[in-house]
Amino acid sequence: MTRGVFFLMVFLLAACSSPTPSPPPEPSFTPTAGDHRLTLSSGGIERTYRVHAPAGYDASRPVPVVIGLHFYPGDGQGLQEMIGLDAQADKAGFLTAYPDGVNGGFNALVCCGDQDDVAFVKALVDELKTVWKADPDRIYLTGISNGGDMSFKLAVELPDTFAAIAPVSGGFIGTKPTEASYAPKSPVSVLTFIGAQDRFADQFDGGIQAWQERVGCTPSRPAPVRGSATASRTTAPCEDGSEVVVYRLPDMGHSWPGATQGQLAAPDAGVVATDLIWAFFAAHPRLRG
């Protein structure tokens, strides 16, 4: 949804008079609490997305926002229903946004489309900041599978935008990440979840290792995760001040750990990714590069 800028013709009454400033453009709707299905123009087409604002949302105050990117083939509504992030948003008071890929996918690192989804997400971020008053220091990104890959791509190609990302069953993989210069230009903390039964697990492990090497991160030894008999966690502080945390889940495949519904749900994975993601985001505001 692109809001046009309207110009008022100002006629000077005297040579020394000052021009009258144009009024700011009015949004096409008033942002309120609840669920909204919206559009914006990007790449010459109308793109769709959903926003959930918690009860008590106040459009005059800066608010954190988490953008969720769906799997392929899928859409934002499917991700929204599967991961249960809106319940966290209602408790903690942040916005969620779920953009839709074209033909069910995003043009990420290895697939799935040919749209300029980097430009689309940038336009969405601008919309969230302008209309919804998203706090520029607390803009976060998560996603699964195709959406997880896209999270890494956006962290690199939209520097100084995201405070942290949380890819689930997605990775820093494909041709671009093999280039040593393809790395984040500003600090972005990362929380990621890798299932050992995922057929892409080795690629995801290799990708997060490459990310850590390029950012200068030093991983800890794997530590057990409270409440899980098999899951492990590594933490890596990085030279730019960011942090990389990796959960490895031996019994999980290509799924969202802890989700109880949806085609990629893994209710018995040993951890609840949605809870861990918001806790991580809340602890990681944007760092200035």
C-alpha atoms as a PDB file:
ATOM      1  CA  MET A   1       0.000   0.000   0.000  1.00  0.00           C
ATOM      2  CA  THR A   2       1.743   3.163  -1.233  1.00  0.00           C
ATOM      3  CA  ARG A   3       0.365   6.382   0.086  1.00  0.00           C
ATOM      4  CA  GLY A   4       0.568   9.194  -2.424  1.00  0.00           C
ATOM      5  CA  VAL A   5       2.037  12.543  -1.488  1.00  0.00           C
ATOM      6  CA  PHE A   6      -0.270  15.464  -2.166  1.00  0.00           C
ATOM      7  CA  PHE A   7       1.175  18.901  -2.909  1.00  0.00           C
ATOM      8  CA  LEU A   8      -0.644  22.173  -2.228  1.00  0.00           C
ATOM      9  CA  MET A   9      -0.022  25.030  -4.668  1.00  0.00           C
ATOM     10  CA  VAL A  10       1.049  28.010  -2.651  1.00  0.00           C
ATOM     11  CA  PHE A  11       0.741  31.490  -4.119  1.00  0.00           C
ATOM     12  CA  LEU A  12       3.043  34.062  -2.548  1.00  0.00           C
ATOM     13  CA  LEU A  13       1.197  37.164  -1.407  1.00  0.00           C
ATOM     14  CA  ALA A  14       4.427  39.110  -1.186  1.00  0.00           C
ATOM     15  CA  ALA A  15       8.006  38.605  -2.281  1.00  0.00           C
ATOM     16  CA  CYS A  16       9.159  38.200   1.301  1.00  0.00           C
ATOM     17  CA  SER A  17       6.473  35.767   2.415  1.00  0.00           C
ATOM     18  CA  SER A  18       7.462  32.203   3.418  1.00  0.00           C
ATOM     19  CA  PRO A  19       6.109  29.143   1.618  1.00  0.00           C
ATOM     20  CA  THR A  20       3.324  27.277   3.396  1.00  0.00           C
ATOM     21  CA  PRO A  21       4.456  23.731   4.281  1.00  0.00           C
ATOM     22  CA  SER A  22       2.492  20.843   2.847  1.00  0.00           C
ATOM     23  CA  PRO A  23       0.538  18.783   5.381  1.00  0.00           C
ATOM     24  CA  PRO A  24       1.800  15.270   6.045  1.00  0.00           C
ATOM     25  CA  PRO A  25       0.026  12.524   4.116  1.00  0.00           C
ATOM     26  CA  GLU A  26      -2.800  10.831   5.950  1.00  0.00           C
ATOM     27  CA  PRO A  27      -2.687   7.043   6.280  1.00  0.00           C
ATOM     28  CA  SER A  28      -5.442   5.236   4.447  1.00  0.00           C
ATOM     29  CA  PHE A  29      -6.637   3.687   7.694  1.00  0.00           C
ATOM     30  CA  THR A  30      -6.222   4.151  11.422  1.00  0.00           C
ATOM     31  CA  PRO A  31      -4.018   1.466  12.983  1.00  0.00           C
ATOM     32  CA  THR A  32      -5.828  -0.244  15.835  1.00  0.00           C
ATOM     33  CA  ALA A  33      -5.564  -3.364  17.953  1.00  0.00           C
ATOM     34  CA  GLY A  34      -6.594  -6.613  16.303  1.00  0.00           C
ATOM     35  CA  ASP A  35      -5.915  -8.397  13.031  1.00  0.00           C
ATOM     36  CA  HIS A  36      -5.584  -6.545   9.735  1.00  0.00           C
ATOM     37  CA  ARG A  37      -5.055  -7.761   6.166  1.00  0.00           C
ATOM     38  CA  LEU A  38      -3.310  -5.040   4.170  1.00  0.00           C
ATOM     39  CA  THR A  39      -1.580  -4.356   0.863  1.00  0.00           C
ATOM     40  CA  LEU A  40       1.308  -2.309  -0.430  1.00  0.00           C
ATOM     41  CA  SER A  41       2.729  -1.826  -3.898  1.00  0.00           C
ATOM     42  CA  SER A  42       6.186  -3.282  -4.563  1.00  0.00           C
ATOM     43  CA  GLY A  43       7.818  -4.201  -7.844  1.00  0.00           C
ATOM     44  CA  GLY A  44       4.808  -3.005  -9.783  1.00  0.00           C
ATOM     45  CA  ILE A  45       2.343  -5.361  -8.096  1.00  0.00           C
ATOM     46  CA  GLU A  46       0.145  -5.254  -5.012  1.00  0.00           C
ATOM     47  CA  ARG A  47       1.644  -7.343  -2.215  1.00  0.00           C
ATOM     48  CA  THR A  48      -0.356  -8.568   0.764  1.00  0.00           C
ATOM     49  CA  TYR A  49       0.515  -8.917   4.431  1.00  0.00           C
ATOM     50  CA  ARG A  50      -1.150  -9.278   7.815  1.00  0.00           C
ATOM     51  CA  VAL A  51      -0.580  -7.293  10.988  1.00  0.00           C
ATOM     52  CA  HIS A  52      -1.630  -8.280  14.500  1.00  0.00           C
ATOM     53  CA  ALA A  53      -1.641  -5.517  17.111  1.00  0.00           C
ATOM     54  CA  PRO A  54      -2.168  -6.446  20.765  1.00  0.00           C
ATOM     55  CA  ALA A  55      -4.946  -5.126  22.975  1.00  0.00           C
ATOM     56  CA  GLY A  56      -3.931  -1.761  24.344  1.00  0.00           C
ATOM     57  CA  TYR A  57      -1.868  -0.941  21.249  1.00  0.00           C
ATOM     58  CA  ASP A  58      -1.091   2.788  21.207  1.00  0.00           C
ATOM     59  CA  ALA A  59      -0.124   4.197  17.803  1.00  0.00           C
ATOM     60  CA  SER A  60       1.575   7.177  19.464  1.00  0.00           C
ATOM     61  CA  ARG A  61       4.253   5.064  21.172  1.00  0.00           C
ATOM     62  CA  PRO A  62       7.162   3.102  19.629  1.00  0.00           C
ATOM     63  CA  VAL A  63       6.514  -0.642  19.701  1.00  0.00           C
ATOM     64  CA  PRO A  64       8.631  -3.713  18.855  1.00  0.00           C
ATOM     65  CA  VAL A  65       7.629  -5.730  15.801  1.00  0.00           C
ATOM     66  CA  VAL A  66       8.353  -9.313  14.729  1.00  0.00           C
ATOM     67  CA  ILE A  67       8.011 -10.114  11.036  1.00  0.00           C
ATOM     68  CA  GLY A  68       7.315 -13.782  10.254  1.00  0.00           C
ATOM     69  CA  LEU A  69       8.189 -15.351   6.880  1.00  0.00           C
ATOM     70  CA  HIS A  70       6.320 -18.475   5.831  1.00  0.00           C
ATOM     71  CA  PHE A  71       7.416 -21.805   4.340  1.00  0.00           C
ATOM     72  CA  TYR A  72       7.024 -22.809   0.676  1.00  0.00           C
ATOM     73  CA  PRO A  73       4.382 -23.285  -0.539  1.00  0.00           C
ATOM     74  CA  GLY A  74       2.462 -21.257   1.969  1.00  0.00           C
ATOM     75  CA  ASP A  75       1.273 -17.853   3.096  1.00  0.00           C
ATOM     76  CA  GLY A  76       1.425 -15.588   6.095  1.00  0.00           C
ATOM     77  CA  GLN A  77      -1.839 -16.823   7.544  1.00  0.00           C
ATOM     78  CA  GLY A  78      -0.557 -20.396   7.629  1.00  0.00           C
ATOM     79  CA  LEU A  79       2.534 -19.332   9.556  1.00  0.00           C
ATOM     80  CA  GLN A  80       0.509 -17.103  11.858  1.00  0.00           C
ATOM     81  CA  GLU A  81      -1.787 -19.970  12.799  1.00  0.00           C
ATOM     82  CA  MET A  82       1.017 -22.521  13.217  1.00  0.00           C
ATOM     83  CA  ILE A  83       3.541 -20.769  15.433  1.00  0.00           C
ATOM     84  CA  GLY A  84       1.260 -19.008  17.959  1.00  0.00           C
ATOM     85  CA  LEU A  85       3.373 -15.852  18.075  1.00  0.00           C
ATOM     86  CA  ASP A  86       0.348 -13.587  18.452  1.00  0.00           C
ATOM     87  CA  ALA A  87      -0.279 -14.968  21.939  1.00  0.00           C
ATOM     88  CA  GLN A  88       3.219 -13.816  22.914  1.00  0.00           C
ATOM     89  CA  ALA A  89       2.527 -10.447  21.279  1.00  0.00           C
ATOM     90  CA  ASP A  90      -0.629 -10.026  23.348  1.00  0.00           C
ATOM     91  CA  LYS A  91       1.244 -10.766  26.575  1.00  0.00           C
ATOM     92  CA  ALA A  92       4.356  -8.722  25.848  1.00  0.00           C
ATOM     93  CA  GLY A  93       2.822  -5.887  23.828  1.00  0.00           C
ATOM     94  CA  PHE A  94       4.524  -6.118  20.443  1.00  0.00           C
ATOM     95  CA  LEU A  95       3.314  -6.153  16.840  1.00  0.00           C
ATOM     96  CA  THR A  96       3.512  -9.117  14.487  1.00  0.00           C
ATOM     97  CA  ALA A  97       3.483  -8.938  10.689  1.00  0.00           C
ATOM     98  CA  TYR A  98       3.187 -11.766   8.169  1.00  0.00           C
ATOM     99  CA  PRO A  99       3.963 -10.937   4.525  1.00  0.00           C
ATOM    100  CA  ASP A 100       2.802 -13.226   1.725  1.00  0.00           C
ATOM    101  CA  GLY A 101       5.217 -14.497  -0.894  1.00  0.00           C
ATOM    102  CA  VAL A 102       4.174 -14.512  -4.561  1.00  0.00           C
ATOM    103  CA  ASN A 103       2.918 -17.917  -5.718  1.00  0.00           C
ATOM    104  CA  GLY A 104       3.533 -19.282  -2.236  1.00  0.00           C
ATOM    105  CA  GLY A 105       7.227 -18.443  -1.847  1.00  0.00           C
ATOM    106  CA  PHE A 106       9.955 -15.870  -1.309  1.00  0.00           C
ATOM    107  CA  ASN A 107      12.945 -15.288  -3.577  1.00  0.00           C
ATOM    108  CA  ALA A 108      15.423 -16.463  -0.948  1.00  0.00           C
ATOM    109  CA  LEU A 109      18.913 -17.958  -1.154  1.00  0.00           C
ATOM    110  CA  VAL A 110      18.054 -21.210  -2.961  1.00  0.00           C
ATOM    111  CA  CYS A 111      14.414 -20.719  -4.062  1.00  0.00           C
ATOM    112  CA  CYS A 112      11.371 -19.968  -4.391  1.00  0.00           C
ATOM    113  CA  GLY A 113      10.452 -17.173  -6.801  1.00  0.00           C
ATOM    114  CA  ASP A 114      11.767 -14.297  -8.880  1.00  0.00           C
ATOM    115  CA  GLN A 115      10.286 -11.243  -7.169  1.00  0.00           C
ATOM    116  CA  ASP A 116      12.440  -8.611  -5.479  1.00  0.00           C
ATOM    117  CA  ASP A 117      11.387  -9.676  -2.003  1.00  0.00           C
ATOM    118  CA  VAL A 118      14.208  -7.685  -0.419  1.00  0.00           C
ATOM    119  CA  ALA A 119      12.577  -4.515  -1.752  1.00  0.00           C
ATOM    120  CA  PHE A 120       9.164  -5.772  -0.618  1.00  0.00           C
ATOM    121  CA  VAL A 121      10.287  -6.394   2.955  1.00  0.00           C
ATOM    122  CA  LYS A 122      12.087  -3.050   3.025  1.00  0.00           C
ATOM    123  CA  ALA A 123       8.837  -1.364   1.974  1.00  0.00           C
ATOM    124  CA  LEU A 124       6.986  -3.338   4.649  1.00  0.00           C
ATOM    125  CA  VAL A 125       9.478  -2.265   7.325  1.00  0.00           C
ATOM    126  CA  ASP A 126       9.077   1.364   6.240  1.00  0.00           C
ATOM    127  CA  GLU A 127       5.290   0.981   6.446  1.00  0.00           C
ATOM    128  CA  LEU A 128       5.494  -0.535   9.909  1.00  0.00           C
ATOM    129  CA  LYS A 129       7.712   2.286  11.133  1.00  0.00           C
ATOM    130  CA  THR A 130       5.669   5.075   9.541  1.00  0.00           C
ATOM    131  CA  VAL A 131       2.106   3.906  10.090  1.00  0.00           C
ATOM    132  CA  TRP A 132       2.360   1.520  13.034  1.00  0.00           C
ATOM    133  CA  LYS A 133       5.198   3.347  14.847  1.00  0.00           C
ATOM    134  CA  ALA A 134       7.451   0.290  14.982  1.00  0.00           C
ATOM    135  CA  ASP A 135      10.548   1.022  17.055  1.00  0.00           C
ATOM    136  CA  PRO A 136      13.542   1.136  14.641  1.00  0.00           C
ATOM    137  CA  ASP A 137      15.742  -0.400  17.343  1.00  0.00           C
ATOM    138  CA  ARG A 138      13.425  -3.383  17.917  1.00  0.00           C
ATOM    139  CA  ILE A 139      12.540  -4.787  14.496  1.00  0.00           C
ATOM    140  CA  TYR A 140      12.950  -8.562  14.359  1.00  0.00           C
ATOM    141  CA  LEU A 141      12.627 -11.290  11.772  1.00  0.00           C
ATOM    142  CA  THR A 142      11.794 -14.967  11.975  1.00  0.00           C
ATOM    143  CA  GLY A 143      10.762 -17.603   9.457  1.00  0.00           C
ATOM    144  CA  ILE A 144      10.772 -21.289   8.651  1.00  0.00           C
ATOM    145  CA  SER A 145      12.228 -23.200   5.696  1.00  0.00           C
ATOM    146  CA  ASN A 146      12.045 -20.829   2.689  1.00  0.00           C
ATOM    147  CA  GLY A 147      11.233 -18.062   5.181  1.00  0.00           C
ATOM    148  CA  GLY A 148      14.233 -19.033   7.323  1.00  0.00           C
ATOM    149  CA  ASP A 149      16.564 -18.827   4.328  1.00  0.00           C
ATOM    150  CA  MET A 150      15.019 -15.462   3.490  1.00  0.00           C
ATOM    151  CA  SER A 151      15.723 -14.232   7.021  1.00  0.00           C
ATOM    152  CA  PHE A 152      19.458 -14.714   6.500  1.00  0.00           C
ATOM    153  CA  LYS A 153      19.299 -13.016   3.094  1.00  0.00           C
ATOM    154  CA  LEU A 154      17.495  -9.989   4.495  1.00  0.00           C
ATOM    155  CA  ALA A 155      19.919  -9.685   7.417  1.00  0.00           C
ATOM    156  CA  VAL A 156      22.755  -9.337   4.891  1.00  0.00           C
ATOM    157  CA  GLU A 157      21.049  -7.280   2.193  1.00  0.00           C
ATOM    158  CA  LEU A 158      19.152  -4.843   4.435  1.00  0.00           C
ATOM    159  CA  PRO A 159      21.913  -3.698   6.805  1.00  0.00           C
ATOM    160  CA  ASP A 160      21.069  -1.694   9.914  1.00  0.00           C
ATOM    161  CA  THR A 161      17.436  -2.843   9.738  1.00  0.00           C
ATOM    162  CA  PHE A 162      16.963  -5.889  11.977  1.00  0.00           C
ATOM    163  CA  ALA A 163      18.127  -6.152  15.572  1.00  0.00           C
ATOM    164  CA  ALA A 164      18.003  -9.962  15.468  1.00  0.00           C
ATOM    165  CA  ILE A 165      16.713 -12.833  13.355  1.00  0.00           C
ATOM    166  CA  ALA A 166      15.474 -16.309  14.273  1.00  0.00           C
ATOM    167  CA  PRO A 167      15.489 -18.741  11.326  1.00  0.00           C
ATOM    168  CA  VAL A 168      13.818 -22.089  12.037  1.00  0.00           C
ATOM    169  CA  SER A 169      14.719 -25.078   9.843  1.00  0.00           C
ATOM    170  CA  GLY A 170      16.285 -22.647   7.408  1.00  0.00           C
ATOM    171  CA  GLY A 171      19.837 -21.706   6.638  1.00  0.00           C
ATOM    172  CA  PHE A 172      22.617 -19.515   5.304  1.00  0.00           C
ATOM    173  CA  ILE A 173      22.873 -21.742   2.222  1.00  0.00           C
ATOM    174  CA  GLY A 174      23.096 -21.561  -1.555  1.00  0.00           C
ATOM    175  CA  THR A 175      25.494 -19.813  -3.943  1.00  0.00           C
ATOM    176  CA  LYS A 176      25.664 -16.350  -2.395  1.00  0.00           C
ATOM    177  CA  PRO A 177      26.770 -17.531   1.061  1.00  0.00           C
ATOM    178  CA  THR A 178      29.791 -19.266  -0.502  1.00  0.00           C
ATOM    179  CA  GLU A 179      31.212 -15.807  -1.264  1.00  0.00           C
ATOM    180  CA  ALA A 180      33.405 -14.527   1.567  1.00  0.00           C
ATOM    181  CA  SER A 181      32.090 -10.981   1.068  1.00  0.00           C
ATOM    182  CA  TYR A 182      28.479 -12.062   1.618  1.00  0.00           C
ATOM    183  CA  ALA A 183      28.139 -11.224   5.305  1.00  0.00           C
ATOM    184  CA  PRO A 184      26.142  -8.826   7.500  1.00  0.00           C
ATOM    185  CA  LYS A 185      27.414  -5.245   7.348  1.00  0.00           C
ATOM    186  CA  SER A 186      25.860  -4.309  10.683  1.00  0.00           C
ATOM    187  CA  PRO A 187      25.417  -6.320  13.904  1.00  0.00           C
ATOM    188  CA  VAL A 188      22.520  -8.807  13.735  1.00  0.00           C
ATOM    189  CA  SER A 189      22.086 -11.403  16.469  1.00  0.00           C
ATOM    190  CA  VAL A 190      20.918 -14.856  15.380  1.00  0.00           C
ATOM    191  CA  LEU A 191      18.900 -17.577  17.083  1.00  0.00           C
ATOM    192  CA  THR A 192      18.381 -20.694  14.977  1.00  0.00           C
ATOM    193  CA  PHE A 193      16.953 -24.208  15.335  1.00  0.00           C
ATOM    194  CA  ILE A 194      18.331 -27.221  13.423  1.00  0.00           C
ATOM    195  CA  GLY A 195      16.750 -30.673  13.478  1.00  0.00           C
ATOM    196  CA  ALA A 196      19.207 -33.532  12.988  1.00  0.00           C
ATOM    197  CA  GLN A 197      16.572 -35.488  11.015  1.00  0.00           C
ATOM    198  CA  ASP A 198      16.173 -32.589   8.559  1.00  0.00           C
ATOM    199  CA  ARG A 199      17.628 -33.551   5.161  1.00  0.00           C
ATOM    200  CA  PHE A 200      19.171 -30.062   5.026  1.00  0.00           C
ATOM    201  CA  ALA A 201      20.760 -30.302   8.487  1.00  0.00           C
ATOM    202  CA  ASP A 202      24.351 -30.582   7.245  1.00  0.00           C
ATOM    203  CA  GLN A 203      23.865 -27.555   4.995  1.00  0.00           C
ATOM    204  CA  PHE A 204      22.356 -25.561   7.849  1.00  0.00           C
ATOM    205  CA  ASP A 205      25.260 -26.489  10.128  1.00  0.00           C
ATOM    206  CA  GLY A 206      27.772 -25.478   7.468  1.00  0.00           C
ATOM    207  CA  GLY A 207      25.944 -22.220   6.861  1.00  0.00           C
ATOM    208  CA  ILE A 208      25.826 -21.136  10.488  1.00  0.00           C
ATOM    209  CA  GLN A 209      29.504 -22.025  10.826  1.00  0.00           C
ATOM    210  CA  ALA A 210      30.311 -19.781   7.837  1.00  0.00           C
ATOM    211  CA  TRP A 211      28.214 -16.965   9.323  1.00  0.00           C
ATOM    212  CA  GLN A 212      30.055 -17.209  12.641  1.00  0.00           C
ATOM    213  CA  GLU A 213      33.462 -17.237  10.958  1.00  0.00           C
ATOM    214  CA  ARG A 214      32.667 -14.095   8.948  1.00  0.00           C
ATOM    215  CA  VAL A 215      31.348 -12.197  11.960  1.00  0.00           C
ATOM    216  CA  GLY A 216      34.114 -13.422  14.265  1.00  0.00           C
ATOM    217  CA  CYS A 217      31.999 -15.482  16.670  1.00  0.00           C
ATOM    218  CA  THR A 218      33.389 -17.957  19.205  1.00  0.00           C
ATOM    219  CA  PRO A 219      30.925 -20.784  19.916  1.00  0.00           C
ATOM    220  CA  SER A 220      30.738 -22.403  23.327  1.00  0.00           C
ATOM    221  CA  ARG A 221      30.689 -26.139  23.809  1.00  0.00           C
ATOM    222  CA  PRO A 222      27.217 -27.653  23.372  1.00  0.00           C
ATOM    223  CA  ALA A 223      25.224 -27.498  26.604  1.00  0.00           C
ATOM    224  CA  PRO A 224      22.112 -29.485  27.553  1.00  0.00           C
ATOM    225  CA  VAL A 225      18.753 -27.730  27.408  1.00  0.00           C
ATOM    226  CA  ARG A 226      16.601 -27.725  30.533  1.00  0.00           C
ATOM    227  CA  GLY A 227      13.456 -29.755  30.040  1.00  0.00           C
ATOM    228  CA  SER A 228      14.787 -31.742  27.087  1.00  0.00           C
ATOM    229  CA  ALA A 229      16.570 -35.090  27.224  1.00  0.00           C
ATOM    230  CA  THR A 230      18.309 -34.652  23.873  1.00  0.00           C
ATOM    231  CA  ALA A 231      18.444 -30.997  22.750  1.00  0.00           C
ATOM    232  CA  SER A 232      21.672 -28.995  22.993  1.00  0.00           C
ATOM    233  CA  ARG A 233      22.488 -25.301  22.805  1.00  0.00           C
ATOM    234  CA  THR A 234      25.583 -23.373  21.771  1.00  0.00           C
ATOM    235  CA  THR A 235      26.167 -19.681  22.379  1.00  0.00           C
ATOM    236  CA  ALA A 236      28.649 -17.609  20.394  1.00  0.00           C
ATOM    237  CA  PRO A 237      29.546 -13.995  21.229  1.00  0.00           C
ATOM    238  CA  CYS A 238      30.757 -12.151  18.122  1.00  0.00           C
ATOM    239  CA  GLU A 239      33.296  -9.414  17.478  1.00  0.00           C
ATOM    240  CA  ASP A 240      30.661  -6.884  16.376  1.00  0.00           C
ATOM    241  CA  GLY A 241      28.718  -7.293  19.623  1.00  0.00           C
ATOM    242  CA  SER A 242      26.079  -9.614  18.206  1.00  0.00           C
ATOM    243  CA  GLU A 243      25.392 -13.141  19.437  1.00  0.00           C
ATOM    244  CA  VAL A 244      24.623 -16.438  17.698  1.00  0.00           C
ATOM    245  CA  VAL A 245      22.640 -19.109  19.558  1.00  0.00           C
ATOM    246  CA  VAL A 246      21.996 -22.512  17.972  1.00  0.00           C
ATOM    247  CA  TYR A 247      19.558 -25.150  19.225  1.00  0.00           C
ATOM    248  CA  ARG A 248      20.245 -28.616  17.805  1.00  0.00           C
ATOM    249  CA  LEU A 249      17.390 -31.085  18.111  1.00  0.00           C
ATOM    250  CA  PRO A 250      18.431 -34.696  17.399  1.00  0.00           C
ATOM    251  CA  ASP A 251      14.915 -36.084  16.958  1.00  0.00           C
ATOM    252  CA  MET A 252      13.400 -33.296  14.850  1.00  0.00           C
ATOM    253  CA  GLY A 253      13.051 -33.022  11.086  1.00  0.00           C
ATOM    254  CA  HIS A 254      12.125 -30.009   8.943  1.00  0.00           C
ATOM    255  CA  SER A 255       9.741 -28.461  11.458  1.00  0.00           C
ATOM    256  CA  TRP A 256       8.887 -25.697  13.934  1.00  0.00           C
ATOM    257  CA  PRO A 257       9.732 -27.051  17.399  1.00  0.00           C
ATOM    258  CA  GLY A 258       6.899 -26.852  19.891  1.00  0.00           C
ATOM    259  CA  ALA A 259       4.165 -25.944  17.390  1.00  0.00           C
ATOM    260  CA  THR A 260       1.029 -28.006  17.982  1.00  0.00           C
ATOM    261  CA  GLN A 261      -0.759 -27.489  14.658  1.00  0.00           C
ATOM    262  CA  GLY A 262       0.135 -27.031  11.000  1.00  0.00           C
ATOM    263  CA  GLN A 263       2.006 -29.107   8.453  1.00  0.00           C
ATOM    264  CA  LEU A 264       5.459 -28.346   9.910  1.00  0.00           C
ATOM    265  CA  ALA A 265       4.555 -28.602  13.584  1.00  0.00           C
ATOM    266  CA  ALA A 266       6.802 -30.623  15.909  1.00  0.00           C
ATOM    267  CA  PRO A 267       5.075 -30.621  19.314  1.00  0.00           C
ATOM    268  CA  ASP A 268       7.504 -33.160  20.818  1.00  0.00           C
ATOM    269  CA  ALA A 269      10.753 -31.519  19.702  1.00  0.00           C
ATOM    270  CA  GLY A 270      11.830 -30.785  23.280  1.00  0.00           C
ATOM    271  CA  VAL A 271      11.705 -26.972  23.117  1.00  0.00           C
ATOM    272  CA  VAL A 272       9.090 -24.373  22.207  1.00  0.00           C
ATOM    273  CA  ALA A 273      10.705 -22.189  19.568  1.00  0.00           C
ATOM    274  CA  THR A 274       8.111 -19.409  19.733  1.00  0.00           C
ATOM    275  CA  ASP A 275       8.761 -18.764  23.436  1.00  0.00           C
ATOM    276  CA  LEU A 276      12.537 -18.892  23.015  1.00  0.00           C
ATOM    277  CA  ILE A 277      12.424 -16.579  20.019  1.00  0.00           C
ATOM    278  CA  TRP A 278      10.597 -13.777  21.807  1.00  0.00           C
ATOM    279  CA  ALA A 279      12.826 -14.096  24.894  1.00  0.00           C
ATOM    280  CA  PHE A 280      15.875 -13.807  22.620  1.00  0.00           C
ATOM    281  CA  PHE A 281      14.465 -10.833  20.738  1.00  0.00           C
ATOM    282  CA  ALA A 282      13.502  -9.019  23.935  1.00  0.00           C
ATOM    283  CA  ALA A 283      17.118  -9.322  25.113  1.00  0.00           C
ATOM    284  CA  HIS A 284      18.635  -8.079  21.825  1.00  0.00           C
ATOM    285  CA  PRO A 285      17.774  -4.530  20.751  1.00  0.00           C
ATOM    286  CA  ARG A 286      19.592  -3.175  17.712  1.00  0.00           C
ATOM    287  CA  LEU A 287      23.304  -2.539  18.025  1.00  0.00           C
ATOM    288  CA  ARG A 288      24.827   0.376  16.162  1.00  0.00           C
ATOM    289  CA  GLY A 289      27.461  -0.811  13.697  1.00  0.00           C
END
